[in-house]
Amino acid sequence: MSSRQLYIAAYDIRNPRRLRKALRLLKDFACGGQKSVFECYLTNGEKAELFERIAQVMDTDEDSFLVAPVPEGAAQVLGIGIPPADPQFYYVG
């Protein structure tokens, strides 16, 4: 099994319909986050799938999408935030 890397995925989707679709899509990959920024533990294959699927939702002339790696041990949490963790399993409902 491939190991997962922590990424921060963020989007700026300008159309409300595409925004709802992007939110539902990101929740398939995220273990945490809020509004338009999500914590995602991804393998290389999962990251490729995420880009493929979000490209079908976005309008690249109006919207933007970013995935940035977070080096191990680099995440810092302040306030009531919960440190990101890669769960042993994901519920897909």
PDB file of N, CA and C in Angstrom:
ATOM      1  N   MET A   1       0.840  -1.185   0.000  1.00  0.00           N
ATOM      2  CA  MET A   1       0.000   0.000   0.000  1.00  0.00           C
ATOM      3  C   MET A   1       0.881   1.241   0.000  1.00  0.00           C
ATOM      4  N   SER A   2       0.545   2.206  -0.829  1.00  0.00           N
ATOM      5  CA  SER A   2       1.301   3.450  -0.897  1.00  0.00           C
ATOM      6  C   SER A   2       1.057   4.288   0.350  1.00  0.00           C
ATOM      7  N   SER A   3       2.090   4.993   0.774  1.00  0.00           N
ATOM      8  CA  SER A   3       1.905   5.858   1.937  1.00  0.00           C
ATOM      9  C   SER A   3       1.264   7.168   1.497  1.00  0.00           C
ATOM     10  N   ARG A   4       0.549   7.755   2.411  1.00  0.00           N
ATOM     11  CA  ARG A   4      -0.150   9.001   2.125  1.00  0.00           C
ATOM     12  C   ARG A   4       0.673  10.186   2.639  1.00  0.00           C
ATOM     13  N   GLN A   5       0.549  11.296   1.933  1.00  0.00           N
ATOM     14  CA  GLN A   5       1.193  12.561   2.276  1.00  0.00           C
ATOM     15  C   GLN A   5       0.074  13.546   2.614  1.00  0.00           C
ATOM     16  N   LEU A   6       0.306  14.390   3.612  1.00  0.00           N
ATOM     17  CA  LEU A   6      -0.666  15.424   3.954  1.00  0.00           C
ATOM     18  C   LEU A   6      -0.553  16.584   2.966  1.00  0.00           C
ATOM     19  N   TYR A   7      -1.706  16.989   2.436  1.00  0.00           N
ATOM     20  CA  TYR A   7      -1.796  18.134   1.532  1.00  0.00           C
ATOM     21  C   TYR A   7      -2.874  19.077   2.051  1.00  0.00           C
ATOM     22  N   ILE A   8      -2.719  20.333   1.726  1.00  0.00           N
ATOM     23  CA  ILE A   8      -3.780  21.309   1.915  1.00  0.00           C
ATOM     24  C   ILE A   8      -4.353  21.576   0.528  1.00  0.00           C
ATOM     25  N   ALA A   9      -5.652  21.363   0.388  1.00  0.00           N
ATOM     26  CA  ALA A   9      -6.341  21.616  -0.882  1.00  0.00           C
ATOM     27  C   ALA A   9      -7.257  22.817  -0.681  1.00  0.00           C
ATOM     28  N   ALA A  10      -7.173  23.774  -1.589  1.00  0.00           N
ATOM     29  CA  ALA A  10      -7.989  24.981  -1.483  1.00  0.00           C
ATOM     30  C   ALA A  10      -8.535  25.346  -2.856  1.00  0.00           C
ATOM     31  N   TYR A  11      -9.740  25.883  -2.858  1.00  0.00           N
ATOM     32  CA  TYR A  11     -10.326  26.303  -4.119  1.00  0.00           C
ATOM     33  C   TYR A  11     -11.012  27.646  -3.977  1.00  0.00           C
ATOM     34  N   ASP A  12     -11.132  28.329  -5.108  1.00  0.00           N
ATOM     35  CA  ASP A  12     -11.903  29.561  -5.223  1.00  0.00           C
ATOM     36  C   ASP A  12     -12.803  29.356  -6.437  1.00  0.00           C
ATOM     37  N   ILE A  13     -14.031  28.961  -6.175  1.00  0.00           N
ATOM     38  CA  ILE A  13     -14.999  28.667  -7.230  1.00  0.00           C
ATOM     39  C   ILE A  13     -16.046  29.772  -7.211  1.00  0.00           C
ATOM     40  N   ARG A  14     -16.238  30.430  -8.316  1.00  0.00           N
ATOM     41  CA  ARG A  14     -17.067  31.638  -8.356  1.00  0.00           C
ATOM     42  C   ARG A  14     -18.543  31.389  -8.603  1.00  0.00           C
ATOM     43  N   ASN A  15     -18.898  30.274  -9.197  1.00  0.00           N
ATOM     44  CA  ASN A  15     -20.290  29.971  -9.494  1.00  0.00           C
ATOM     45  C   ASN A  15     -20.871  29.103  -8.386  1.00  0.00           C
ATOM     46  N   PRO A  16     -22.024  29.475  -7.806  1.00  0.00           N
ATOM     47  CA  PRO A  16     -22.586  28.712  -6.686  1.00  0.00           C
ATOM     48  C   PRO A  16     -22.832  27.227  -6.996  1.00  0.00           C
ATOM     49  N   ARG A  17     -23.246  26.910  -8.206  1.00  0.00           N
ATOM     50  CA  ARG A  17     -23.496  25.503  -8.557  1.00  0.00           C
ATOM     51  C   ARG A  17     -22.184  24.709  -8.590  1.00  0.00           C
ATOM     52  N   ARG A  18     -21.161  25.272  -9.241  1.00  0.00           N
ATOM     53  CA  ARG A  18     -19.856  24.599  -9.276  1.00  0.00           C
ATOM     54  C   ARG A  18     -19.256  24.533  -7.873  1.00  0.00           C
ATOM     55  N   LEU A  19     -19.502  25.556  -7.061  1.00  0.00           N
ATOM     56  CA  LEU A  19     -19.001  25.580  -5.688  1.00  0.00           C
ATOM     57  C   LEU A  19     -19.557  24.412  -4.881  1.00  0.00           C
ATOM     58  N   ARG A  20     -20.848  24.159  -4.986  1.00  0.00           N
ATOM     59  CA  ARG A  20     -21.454  23.021  -4.266  1.00  0.00           C
ATOM     60  C   ARG A  20     -20.867  21.695  -4.743  1.00  0.00           C
ATOM     61  N   LYS A  21     -20.672  21.560  -6.051  1.00  0.00           N
ATOM     62  CA  LYS A  21     -20.086  20.331  -6.596  1.00  0.00           C
ATOM     63  C   LYS A  21     -18.658  20.142  -6.088  1.00  0.00           C
ATOM     64  N   ALA A  22     -17.873  21.227  -6.066  1.00  0.00           N
ATOM     65  CA  ALA A  22     -16.492  21.145  -5.582  1.00  0.00           C
ATOM     66  C   ALA A  22     -16.453  20.766  -4.109  1.00  0.00           C
ATOM     67  N   LEU A  23     -17.350  21.328  -3.318  1.00  0.00           N
ATOM     68  CA  LEU A  23     -17.402  20.996  -1.892  1.00  0.00           C
ATOM     69  C   LEU A  23     -17.685  19.512  -1.687  1.00  0.00           C
ATOM     70  N   ARG A  24     -18.678  18.982  -2.386  1.00  0.00           N
ATOM     71  CA  ARG A  24     -18.998  17.546  -2.258  1.00  0.00           C
ATOM     72  C   ARG A  24     -17.822  16.689  -2.702  1.00  0.00           C
ATOM     73  N   LEU A  25     -17.170  17.095  -3.776  1.00  0.00           N
ATOM     74  CA  LEU A  25     -16.034  16.337  -4.290  1.00  0.00           C
ATOM     75  C   LEU A  25     -14.883  16.321  -3.285  1.00  0.00           C
ATOM     76  N   LEU A  26     -14.534  17.481  -2.746  1.00  0.00           N
ATOM     77  CA  LEU A  26     -13.414  17.552  -1.796  1.00  0.00           C
ATOM     78  C   LEU A  26     -13.680  16.731  -0.543  1.00  0.00           C
ATOM     79  N   LYS A  27     -14.927  16.659  -0.119  1.00  0.00           N
ATOM     80  CA  LYS A  27     -15.242  15.867   1.068  1.00  0.00           C
ATOM     81  C   LYS A  27     -14.963  14.386   0.847  1.00  0.00           C
ATOM     82  N   ASP A  28     -14.916  13.924  -0.408  1.00  0.00           N
ATOM     83  CA  ASP A  28     -14.538  12.540  -0.708  1.00  0.00           C
ATOM     84  C   ASP A  28     -13.089  12.264  -0.339  1.00  0.00           C
ATOM     85  N   PHE A  29     -12.259  13.293  -0.324  1.00  0.00           N
ATOM     86  CA  PHE A  29     -10.824  13.131  -0.121  1.00  0.00           C
ATOM     87  C   PHE A  29     -10.326  13.682   1.216  1.00  0.00           C
ATOM     88  N   ALA A  30     -11.119  14.500   1.889  1.00  0.00           N
ATOM     89  CA  ALA A  30     -10.643  15.253   3.054  1.00  0.00           C
ATOM     90  C   ALA A  30     -10.835  14.511   4.367  1.00  0.00           C
ATOM     91  N   CYS A  31      -9.929  14.773   5.301  1.00  0.00           N
ATOM     92  CA  CYS A  31     -10.077  14.275   6.670  1.00  0.00           C
ATOM     93  C   CYS A  31     -10.400  15.425   7.614  1.00  0.00           C
ATOM     94  N   GLY A  32     -10.370  16.653   7.112  1.00  0.00           N
ATOM     95  CA  GLY A  32     -10.672  17.819   7.921  1.00  0.00           C
ATOM     96  C   GLY A  32     -10.625  19.057   7.059  1.00  0.00           C
ATOM     97  N   GLY A  33     -10.950  20.183   7.666  1.00  0.00           N
ATOM     98  CA  GLY A  33     -10.904  21.441   6.939  1.00  0.00           C
ATOM     99  C   GLY A  33     -12.134  22.274   7.212  1.00  0.00           C
ATOM    100  N   GLN A  34     -12.217  23.391   6.526  1.00  0.00           N
ATOM    101  CA  GLN A  34     -13.367  24.262   6.687  1.00  0.00           C
ATOM    102  C   GLN A  34     -13.496  25.164   5.475  1.00  0.00           C
ATOM    103  N   LYS A  35     -14.741  25.516   5.164  1.00  0.00           N
ATOM    104  CA  LYS A  35     -15.073  26.384   4.023  1.00  0.00           C
ATOM    105  C   LYS A  35     -14.402  25.888   2.760  1.00  0.00           C
ATOM    106  N   SER A  36     -13.405  26.568   2.241  1.00  0.00           N
ATOM    107  CA  SER A  36     -12.809  26.159   0.972  1.00  0.00           C
ATOM    108  C   SER A  36     -11.365  25.669   1.103  1.00  0.00           C
ATOM    109  N   VAL A  37     -10.974  25.270   2.309  1.00  0.00           N
ATOM    110  CA  VAL A  37      -9.633  24.738   2.555  1.00  0.00           C
ATOM    111  C   VAL A  37      -9.767  23.410   3.297  1.00  0.00           C
ATOM    112  N   PHE A  38      -9.105  22.368   2.764  1.00  0.00           N
ATOM    113  CA  PHE A  38      -9.267  21.027   3.322  1.00  0.00           C
ATOM    114  C   PHE A  38      -7.914  20.363   3.554  1.00  0.00           C
ATOM    115  N   GLU A  39      -7.863  19.523   4.587  1.00  0.00           N
ATOM    116  CA  GLU A  39      -6.698  18.685   4.870  1.00  0.00           C
ATOM    117  C   GLU A  39      -6.968  17.335   4.217  1.00  0.00           C
ATOM    118  N   CYS A  40      -6.052  16.905   3.354  1.00  0.00           N
ATOM    119  CA  CYS A  40      -6.240  15.650   2.629  1.00  0.00           C
ATOM    120  C   CYS A  40      -4.966  14.816   2.714  1.00  0.00           C
ATOM    121  N   TYR A  41      -5.086  13.582   3.161  1.00  0.00           N
ATOM    122  CA  TYR A  41      -3.989  12.630   3.076  1.00  0.00           C
ATOM    123  C   TYR A  41      -4.187  11.864   1.784  1.00  0.00           C
ATOM    124  N   LEU A  42      -3.218  11.981   0.864  1.00  0.00           N
ATOM    125  CA  LEU A  42      -3.383  11.417  -0.466  1.00  0.00           C
ATOM    126  C   LEU A  42      -2.152  10.633  -0.896  1.00  0.00           C
ATOM    127  N   THR A  43      -2.402   9.545  -1.618  1.00  0.00           N
ATOM    128  CA  THR A  43      -1.327   8.883  -2.352  1.00  0.00           C
ATOM    129  C   THR A  43      -1.162   9.647  -3.660  1.00  0.00           C
ATOM    130  N   ASN A  44      -0.147   9.329  -4.422  1.00  0.00           N
ATOM    131  CA  ASN A  44       0.023   9.981  -5.725  1.00  0.00           C
ATOM    132  C   ASN A  44      -1.176   9.697  -6.630  1.00  0.00           C
ATOM    133  N   GLY A  45      -1.691   8.479  -6.584  1.00  0.00           N
ATOM    134  CA  GLY A  45      -2.847   8.116  -7.393  1.00  0.00           C
ATOM    135  C   GLY A  45      -4.100   8.874  -6.978  1.00  0.00           C
ATOM    136  N   GLU A  46      -4.305   9.024  -5.677  1.00  0.00           N
ATOM    137  CA  GLU A  46      -5.465   9.771  -5.186  1.00  0.00           C
ATOM    138  C   GLU A  46      -5.365  11.253  -5.559  1.00  0.00           C
ATOM    139  N   LYS A  47      -4.152  11.785  -5.504  1.00  0.00           N
ATOM    140  CA  LYS A  47      -3.961  13.189  -5.893  1.00  0.00           C
ATOM    141  C   LYS A  47      -4.282  13.370  -7.374  1.00  0.00           C
ATOM    142  N   ALA A  48      -3.851  12.445  -8.207  1.00  0.00           N
ATOM    143  CA  ALA A  48      -4.158  12.511  -9.635  1.00  0.00           C
ATOM    144  C   ALA A  48      -5.662  12.420  -9.866  1.00  0.00           C
ATOM    145  N   GLU A  49      -6.338  11.520  -9.138  1.00  0.00           N
ATOM    146  CA  GLU A  49      -7.788  11.392  -9.260  1.00  0.00           C
ATOM    147  C   GLU A  49      -8.494  12.675  -8.827  1.00  0.00           C
ATOM    148  N   LEU A  50      -8.025  13.286  -7.741  1.00  0.00           N
ATOM    149  CA  LEU A  50      -8.607  14.536  -7.263  1.00  0.00           C
ATOM    150  C   LEU A  50      -8.506  15.615  -8.346  1.00  0.00           C
ATOM    151  N   PHE A  51      -7.328  15.768  -8.956  1.00  0.00           N
ATOM    152  CA  PHE A  51      -7.157  16.766 -10.008  1.00  0.00           C
ATOM    153  C   PHE A  51      -8.050  16.463 -11.211  1.00  0.00           C
ATOM    154  N   GLU A  52      -8.136  15.202 -11.570  1.00  0.00           N
ATOM    155  CA  GLU A  52      -8.977  14.813 -12.706  1.00  0.00           C
ATOM    156  C   GLU A  52     -10.443  15.152 -12.445  1.00  0.00           C
ATOM    157  N   ARG A  53     -10.911  14.842 -11.248  1.00  0.00           N
ATOM    158  CA  ARG A  53     -12.315  15.089 -10.923  1.00  0.00           C
ATOM    159  C   ARG A  53     -12.623  16.566 -10.742  1.00  0.00           C
ATOM    160  N   ILE A  54     -11.729  17.326 -10.107  1.00  0.00           N
ATOM    161  CA  ILE A  54     -12.003  18.757  -9.900  1.00  0.00           C
ATOM    162  C   ILE A  54     -11.946  19.498 -11.234  1.00  0.00           C
ATOM    163  N   ALA A  55     -11.132  19.033 -12.173  1.00  0.00           N
ATOM    164  CA  ALA A  55     -11.064  19.670 -13.492  1.00  0.00           C
ATOM    165  C   ALA A  55     -12.402  19.572 -14.222  1.00  0.00           C
ATOM    166  N   GLN A  56     -13.174  18.536 -13.926  1.00  0.00           N
ATOM    167  CA  GLN A  56     -14.488  18.366 -14.547  1.00  0.00           C
ATOM    168  C   GLN A  56     -15.531  19.306 -13.942  1.00  0.00           C
ATOM    169  N   VAL A  57     -15.261  19.822 -12.742  1.00  0.00           N
ATOM    170  CA  VAL A  57     -16.194  20.703 -12.034  1.00  0.00           C
ATOM    171  C   VAL A  57     -15.894  22.170 -12.315  1.00  0.00           C
ATOM    172  N   MET A  58     -14.617  22.531 -12.389  1.00  0.00           N
ATOM    173  CA  MET A  58     -14.219  23.935 -12.471  1.00  0.00           C
ATOM    174  C   MET A  58     -14.349  24.517 -13.873  1.00  0.00           C
ATOM    175  N   ASP A  59     -14.385  25.829 -13.907  1.00  0.00           N
ATOM    176  CA  ASP A  59     -14.202  26.601 -15.131  1.00  0.00           C
ATOM    177  C   ASP A  59     -12.836  27.257 -14.968  1.00  0.00           C
ATOM    178  N   THR A  60     -11.848  26.778 -15.686  1.00  0.00           N
ATOM    179  CA  THR A  60     -10.472  27.247 -15.466  1.00  0.00           C
ATOM    180  C   THR A  60     -10.259  28.698 -15.889  1.00  0.00           C
ATOM    181  N   ASP A  61     -11.234  29.289 -16.562  1.00  0.00           N
ATOM    182  CA  ASP A  61     -11.147  30.715 -16.886  1.00  0.00           C
ATOM    183  C   ASP A  61     -11.596  31.594 -15.717  1.00  0.00           C
ATOM    184  N   GLU A  62     -12.349  31.012 -14.762  1.00  0.00           N
ATOM    185  CA  GLU A  62     -12.890  31.774 -13.634  1.00  0.00           C
ATOM    186  C   GLU A  62     -12.446  31.268 -12.268  1.00  0.00           C
ATOM    187  N   ASP A  63     -12.175  29.981 -12.149  1.00  0.00           N
ATOM    188  CA  ASP A  63     -11.945  29.342 -10.848  1.00  0.00           C
ATOM    189  C   ASP A  63     -10.479  28.978 -10.678  1.00  0.00           C
ATOM    190  N   SER A  64     -10.100  28.693  -9.427  1.00  0.00           N
ATOM    191  CA  SER A  64      -8.744  28.217  -9.161  1.00  0.00           C
ATOM    192  C   SER A  64      -8.779  27.094  -8.132  1.00  0.00           C
ATOM    193  N   PHE A  65      -7.746  26.245  -8.191  1.00  0.00           N
ATOM    194  CA  PHE A  65      -7.618  25.100  -7.286  1.00  0.00           C
ATOM    195  C   PHE A  65      -6.142  24.910  -6.991  1.00  0.00           C
ATOM    196  N   LEU A  66      -5.829  24.685  -5.722  1.00  0.00           N
ATOM    197  CA  LEU A  66      -4.443  24.539  -5.283  1.00  0.00           C
ATOM    198  C   LEU A  66      -4.334  23.337  -4.363  1.00  0.00           C
ATOM    199  N   VAL A  67      -3.286  22.544  -4.560  1.00  0.00           N
ATOM    200  CA  VAL A  67      -2.945  21.465  -3.637  1.00  0.00           C
ATOM    201  C   VAL A  67      -1.489  21.669  -3.255  1.00  0.00           C
ATOM    202  N   ALA A  68      -1.234  21.853  -1.950  1.00  0.00           N
ATOM    203  CA  ALA A  68       0.122  22.109  -1.464  1.00  0.00           C
ATOM    204  C   ALA A  68       0.505  21.048  -0.435  1.00  0.00           C
ATOM    205  N   PRO A  69       1.684  20.424  -0.598  1.00  0.00           N
ATOM    206  CA  PRO A  69       2.117  19.437   0.387  1.00  0.00           C
ATOM    207  C   PRO A  69       2.488  20.101   1.713  1.00  0.00           C
ATOM    208  N   VAL A  70       2.228  19.379   2.791  1.00  0.00           N
ATOM    209  CA  VAL A  70       2.618  19.830   4.130  1.00  0.00           C
ATOM    210  C   VAL A  70       3.663  18.832   4.635  1.00  0.00           C
ATOM    211  N   PRO A  71       4.914  19.244   4.752  1.00  0.00           N
ATOM    212  CA  PRO A  71       5.952  18.317   5.225  1.00  0.00           C
ATOM    213  C   PRO A  71       5.596  17.747   6.605  1.00  0.00           C
ATOM    214  N   GLU A  72       5.986  16.513   6.831  1.00  0.00           N
ATOM    215  CA  GLU A  72       5.696  15.857   8.105  1.00  0.00           C
ATOM    216  C   GLU A  72       6.237  16.689   9.265  1.00  0.00           C
ATOM    217  N   GLY A  73       5.392  16.923  10.261  1.00  0.00           N
ATOM    218  CA  GLY A  73       5.771  17.682  11.439  1.00  0.00           C
ATOM    219  C   GLY A  73       5.668  19.190  11.274  1.00  0.00           C
ATOM    220  N   ALA A  74       5.296  19.666  10.077  1.00  0.00           N
ATOM    221  CA  ALA A  74       5.249  21.110   9.830  1.00  0.00           C
ATOM    222  C   ALA A  74       3.915  21.742  10.208  1.00  0.00           C
ATOM    223  N   ALA A  75       2.862  20.941  10.347  1.00  0.00           N
ATOM    224  CA  ALA A  75       1.549  21.508  10.668  1.00  0.00           C
ATOM    225  C   ALA A  75       1.523  21.981  12.114  1.00  0.00           C
ATOM    226  N   GLN A  76       1.073  23.210  12.317  1.00  0.00           N
ATOM    227  CA  GLN A  76       0.903  23.764  13.653  1.00  0.00           C
ATOM    228  C   GLN A  76      -0.544  24.186  13.805  1.00  0.00           C
ATOM    229  N   VAL A  77      -1.117  23.930  14.957  1.00  0.00           N
ATOM    230  CA  VAL A  77      -2.526  24.227  15.203  1.00  0.00           C
ATOM    231  C   VAL A  77      -2.615  25.198  16.374  1.00  0.00           C
ATOM    232  N   LEU A  78      -3.482  26.189  16.232  1.00  0.00           N
ATOM    233  CA  LEU A  78      -3.690  27.184  17.272  1.00  0.00           C
ATOM    234  C   LEU A  78      -5.176  27.264  17.561  1.00  0.00           C
ATOM    235  N   GLY A  79      -5.545  27.466  18.793  1.00  0.00           N
ATOM    236  CA  GLY A  79      -6.961  27.583  19.154  1.00  0.00           C
ATOM    237  C   GLY A  79      -7.612  26.215  19.286  1.00  0.00           C
ATOM    238  N   ILE A  80      -8.867  26.127  18.818  1.00  0.00           N
ATOM    239  CA  ILE A  80      -9.612  24.880  18.999  1.00  0.00           C
ATOM    240  C   ILE A  80      -9.376  23.885  17.872  1.00  0.00           C
ATOM    241  N   GLY A  81      -8.449  24.191  16.964  1.00  0.00           N
ATOM    242  CA  GLY A  81      -8.161  23.299  15.849  1.00  0.00           C
ATOM    243  C   GLY A  81      -7.644  21.953  16.323  1.00  0.00           C
ATOM    244  N   ILE A  82      -7.873  20.948  15.516  1.00  0.00           N
ATOM    245  CA  ILE A  82      -7.417  19.584  15.797  1.00  0.00           C
ATOM    246  C   ILE A  82      -6.284  19.274  14.820  1.00  0.00           C
ATOM    247  N   PRO A  83      -5.139  18.815  15.315  1.00  0.00           N
ATOM    248  CA  PRO A  83      -4.040  18.491  14.392  1.00  0.00           C
ATOM    249  C   PRO A  83      -4.495  17.470  13.350  1.00  0.00           C
ATOM    250  N   PRO A  84      -4.081  17.635  12.094  1.00  0.00           N
ATOM    251  CA  PRO A  84      -4.480  16.685  11.061  1.00  0.00           C
ATOM    252  C   PRO A  84      -3.966  15.292  11.366  1.00  0.00           C
ATOM    253  N   ALA A  85      -4.779  14.295  11.057  1.00  0.00           N
ATOM    254  CA  ALA A  85      -4.391  12.901  11.267  1.00  0.00           C
ATOM    255  C   ALA A  85      -4.938  12.066  10.121  1.00  0.00           C
ATOM    256  N   ASP A  86      -4.184  11.069   9.712  1.00  0.00           N
ATOM    257  CA  ASP A  86      -4.602  10.159   8.654  1.00  0.00           C
ATOM    258  C   ASP A  86      -5.356   9.007   9.298  1.00  0.00           C
ATOM    259  N   PRO A  87      -6.693   8.980   9.160  1.00  0.00           N
ATOM    260  CA  PRO A  87      -7.454   7.906   9.803  1.00  0.00           C
ATOM    261  C   PRO A  87      -7.141   6.554   9.170  1.00  0.00           C
ATOM    262  N   GLN A  88      -7.362   5.504   9.948  1.00  0.00           N
ATOM    263  CA  GLN A  88      -7.098   4.149   9.446  1.00  0.00           C
ATOM    264  C   GLN A  88      -8.082   3.753   8.350  1.00  0.00           C
ATOM    265  N   PHE A  89      -9.266   4.343   8.374  1.00  0.00           N
ATOM    266  CA  PHE A  89     -10.257   4.057   7.346  1.00  0.00           C
ATOM    267  C   PHE A  89     -11.110   5.284   7.114  1.00  0.00           C
ATOM    268  N   TYR A  90     -11.757   5.337   5.975  1.00  0.00           N
ATOM    269  CA  TYR A  90     -12.662   6.417   5.618  1.00  0.00           C
ATOM    270  C   TYR A  90     -14.048   5.843   5.407  1.00  0.00           C
ATOM    271  N   TYR A  91     -15.059   6.551   5.847  1.00  0.00           N
ATOM    272  CA  TYR A  91     -16.427   6.148   5.587  1.00  0.00           C
ATOM    273  C   TYR A  91     -16.880   6.806   4.293  1.00  0.00           C
ATOM    274  N   VAL A  92     -17.304   6.016   3.352  1.00  0.00           N
ATOM    275  CA  VAL A  92     -17.833   6.530   2.098  1.00  0.00           C
ATOM    276  C   VAL A  92     -19.301   6.168   2.053  1.00  0.00           C
ATOM    277  N   GLY A  93     -20.184   7.187   2.157  1.00  0.00           N
ATOM    278  CA  GLY A  93     -21.616   6.909   2.251  1.00  0.00           C
ATOM    279  C   GLY A  93     -22.409   7.434   1.127  1.00  0.00           C
TER     280      GLY A  93
END
